[in-house]
Amino acid sequence: MMWAVWWVWIVAGFALGVLEVIVPGYIFLGFAIGALIVGIGLGVGLLGGSLPLLLLVFALASLGAWLGLRRWMGIRASQVKVWDRDINDN
């Protein structure tokens, strides 16, 4: 029943946050935020201890965080920026 303990989710969120710093590309940040939301929900008493419910909340919170981060930070273009004007051109 480790999944029903709030601090396990918080530690997992911080571990995923550290992993995000090590691995570039905003891959684990949404999962880290989702784990922190589940941990806070368990700590405050908003969530029960059933594993399917916790996984559903984790998945939805992670997806919402990922979509929010994608909207906030923007979508990277797959092209390289082409400069057609130099700063020294007048």
C-alpha atoms as a PDB file:
ATOM      1  CA  MET A   1       0.000   0.000   0.000  1.00  0.00           C
ATOM      2  CA  MET A   2       2.883   2.353  -0.697  1.00  0.00           C
ATOM      3  CA  TRP A   3       0.797   4.100  -3.364  1.00  0.00           C
ATOM      4  CA  ALA A   4      -1.614   5.343  -0.664  1.00  0.00           C
ATOM      5  CA  VAL A   5       1.099   7.260   1.226  1.00  0.00           C
ATOM      6  CA  TRP A   6       1.240  10.934   0.296  1.00  0.00           C
ATOM      7  CA  TRP A   7       4.984  11.435   0.721  1.00  0.00           C
ATOM      8  CA  VAL A   8       5.755   8.604  -1.718  1.00  0.00           C
ATOM      9  CA  TRP A   9       4.026  10.582  -4.479  1.00  0.00           C
ATOM     10  CA  ILE A  10       5.824  13.775  -3.436  1.00  0.00           C
ATOM     11  CA  VAL A  11       9.222  12.030  -3.517  1.00  0.00           C
ATOM     12  CA  ALA A  12       8.356  10.495  -6.891  1.00  0.00           C
ATOM     13  CA  GLY A  13       7.420  13.950  -8.176  1.00  0.00           C
ATOM     14  CA  PHE A  14      10.729  15.420  -7.036  1.00  0.00           C
ATOM     15  CA  ALA A  15      12.627  12.450  -8.492  1.00  0.00           C
ATOM     16  CA  LEU A  16      10.902  12.979 -11.837  1.00  0.00           C
ATOM     17  CA  GLY A  17      11.747  16.678 -11.590  1.00  0.00           C
ATOM     18  CA  VAL A  18      15.418  15.848 -11.070  1.00  0.00           C
ATOM     19  CA  LEU A  19      15.253  13.429 -13.982  1.00  0.00           C
ATOM     20  CA  GLU A  20      13.808  16.256 -16.094  1.00  0.00           C
ATOM     21  CA  VAL A  21      16.857  18.379 -15.322  1.00  0.00           C
ATOM     22  CA  ILE A  22      19.161  15.552 -16.379  1.00  0.00           C
ATOM     23  CA  VAL A  23      17.249  14.561 -19.543  1.00  0.00           C
ATOM     24  CA  PRO A  24      16.468  17.522 -21.816  1.00  0.00           C
ATOM     25  CA  GLY A  25      13.213  18.004 -23.658  1.00  0.00           C
ATOM     26  CA  TYR A  26      10.349  18.540 -21.163  1.00  0.00           C
ATOM     27  CA  ILE A  27       9.521  14.851 -21.064  1.00  0.00           C
ATOM     28  CA  PHE A  28       9.193  14.177 -17.339  1.00  0.00           C
ATOM     29  CA  LEU A  29       8.000  17.592 -16.111  1.00  0.00           C
ATOM     30  CA  GLY A  30       4.309  16.836 -16.718  1.00  0.00           C
ATOM     31  CA  PHE A  31       4.629  13.534 -14.875  1.00  0.00           C
ATOM     32  CA  ALA A  32       6.412  15.285 -11.996  1.00  0.00           C
ATOM     33  CA  ILE A  33       3.605  17.823 -11.673  1.00  0.00           C
ATOM     34  CA  GLY A  34       1.018  15.037 -11.851  1.00  0.00           C
ATOM     35  CA  ALA A  35       2.740  13.104  -9.060  1.00  0.00           C
ATOM     36  CA  LEU A  36       2.943  16.235  -6.917  1.00  0.00           C
ATOM     37  CA  ILE A  37      -0.769  16.913  -7.451  1.00  0.00           C
ATOM     38  CA  VAL A  38      -1.655  13.359  -6.381  1.00  0.00           C
ATOM     39  CA  GLY A  39       0.658  13.653  -3.358  1.00  0.00           C
ATOM     40  CA  ILE A  40      -0.922  16.932  -2.303  1.00  0.00           C
ATOM     41  CA  GLY A  41      -4.406  15.485  -2.854  1.00  0.00           C
ATOM     42  CA  LEU A  42      -3.578  12.514  -0.643  1.00  0.00           C
ATOM     43  CA  GLY A  43      -1.957  14.705   2.004  1.00  0.00           C
ATOM     44  CA  VAL A  44      -4.919  17.063   2.226  1.00  0.00           C
ATOM     45  CA  GLY A  45      -7.396  14.187   2.193  1.00  0.00           C
ATOM     46  CA  LEU A  46      -9.126  14.882  -1.129  1.00  0.00           C
ATOM     47  CA  LEU A  47      -8.191  11.513  -2.638  1.00  0.00           C
ATOM     48  CA  GLY A  48      -8.833   8.010  -1.370  1.00  0.00           C
ATOM     49  CA  GLY A  49      -6.271   5.253  -1.317  1.00  0.00           C
ATOM     50  CA  SER A  50      -7.562   3.086  -4.156  1.00  0.00           C
ATOM     51  CA  LEU A  51      -4.897   2.477  -6.787  1.00  0.00           C
ATOM     52  CA  PRO A  52      -7.146   2.847  -9.881  1.00  0.00           C
ATOM     53  CA  LEU A  53      -8.402   6.225  -8.672  1.00  0.00           C
ATOM     54  CA  LEU A  54      -4.893   7.453  -7.907  1.00  0.00           C
ATOM     55  CA  LEU A  55      -3.607   6.326 -11.295  1.00  0.00           C
ATOM     56  CA  LEU A  56      -6.528   8.007 -13.047  1.00  0.00           C
ATOM     57  CA  VAL A  57      -5.923  11.282 -11.207  1.00  0.00           C
ATOM     58  CA  PHE A  58      -2.188  10.980 -11.914  1.00  0.00           C
ATOM     59  CA  ALA A  59      -2.811  10.401 -15.629  1.00  0.00           C
ATOM     60  CA  LEU A  60      -5.284  13.266 -15.952  1.00  0.00           C
ATOM     61  CA  ALA A  61      -3.139  15.666 -13.912  1.00  0.00           C
ATOM     62  CA  SER A  62      -0.042  14.735 -15.915  1.00  0.00           C
ATOM     63  CA  LEU A  63      -1.874  15.231 -19.196  1.00  0.00           C
ATOM     64  CA  GLY A  64      -3.274  18.562 -18.038  1.00  0.00           C
ATOM     65  CA  ALA A  65       0.145  19.694 -16.840  1.00  0.00           C
ATOM     66  CA  TRP A  66       1.758  18.630 -20.100  1.00  0.00           C
ATOM     67  CA  LEU A  67      -0.850  20.471 -22.170  1.00  0.00           C
ATOM     68  CA  GLY A  68      -0.510  23.553 -19.970  1.00  0.00           C
ATOM     69  CA  LEU A  69       3.273  23.510 -20.228  1.00  0.00           C
ATOM     70  CA  ARG A  70       3.056  23.007 -23.967  1.00  0.00           C
ATOM     71  CA  ARG A  71       0.765  26.017 -24.263  1.00  0.00           C
ATOM     72  CA  TRP A  72       2.836  28.150 -21.874  1.00  0.00           C
ATOM     73  CA  MET A  73       6.260  27.320 -23.290  1.00  0.00           C
ATOM     74  CA  GLY A  74       5.128  26.989 -26.885  1.00  0.00           C
ATOM     75  CA  ILE A  75       5.657  24.409 -29.554  1.00  0.00           C
ATOM     76  CA  ARG A  76       9.168  24.264 -30.900  1.00  0.00           C
ATOM     77  CA  ALA A  77       9.370  24.576 -34.635  1.00  0.00           C
ATOM     78  CA  SER A  78      11.158  21.762 -36.397  1.00  0.00           C
ATOM     79  CA  GLN A  79      13.105  24.235 -38.504  1.00  0.00           C
ATOM     80  CA  VAL A  80      16.242  26.153 -37.795  1.00  0.00           C
ATOM     81  CA  LYS A  81      15.836  29.917 -37.543  1.00  0.00           C
ATOM     82  CA  VAL A  82      17.018  31.549 -40.747  1.00  0.00           C
ATOM     83  CA  TRP A  83      18.283  35.081 -40.354  1.00  0.00           C
ATOM     84  CA  ASP A  84      17.618  37.183 -43.446  1.00  0.00           C
ATOM     85  CA  ARG A  85      18.686  40.494 -41.901  1.00  0.00           C
ATOM     86  CA  ASP A  86      21.911  41.340 -40.096  1.00  0.00           C
ATOM     87  CA  ILE A  87      22.028  43.658 -37.091  1.00  0.00           C
ATOM     88  CA  ASN A  88      24.661  45.748 -38.848  1.00  0.00           C
ATOM     89  CA  ASP A  89      22.549  46.314 -41.978  1.00  0.00           C
ATOM     90  CA  ASN A  90      21.053  49.788 -42.159  1.00  0.00           C
END
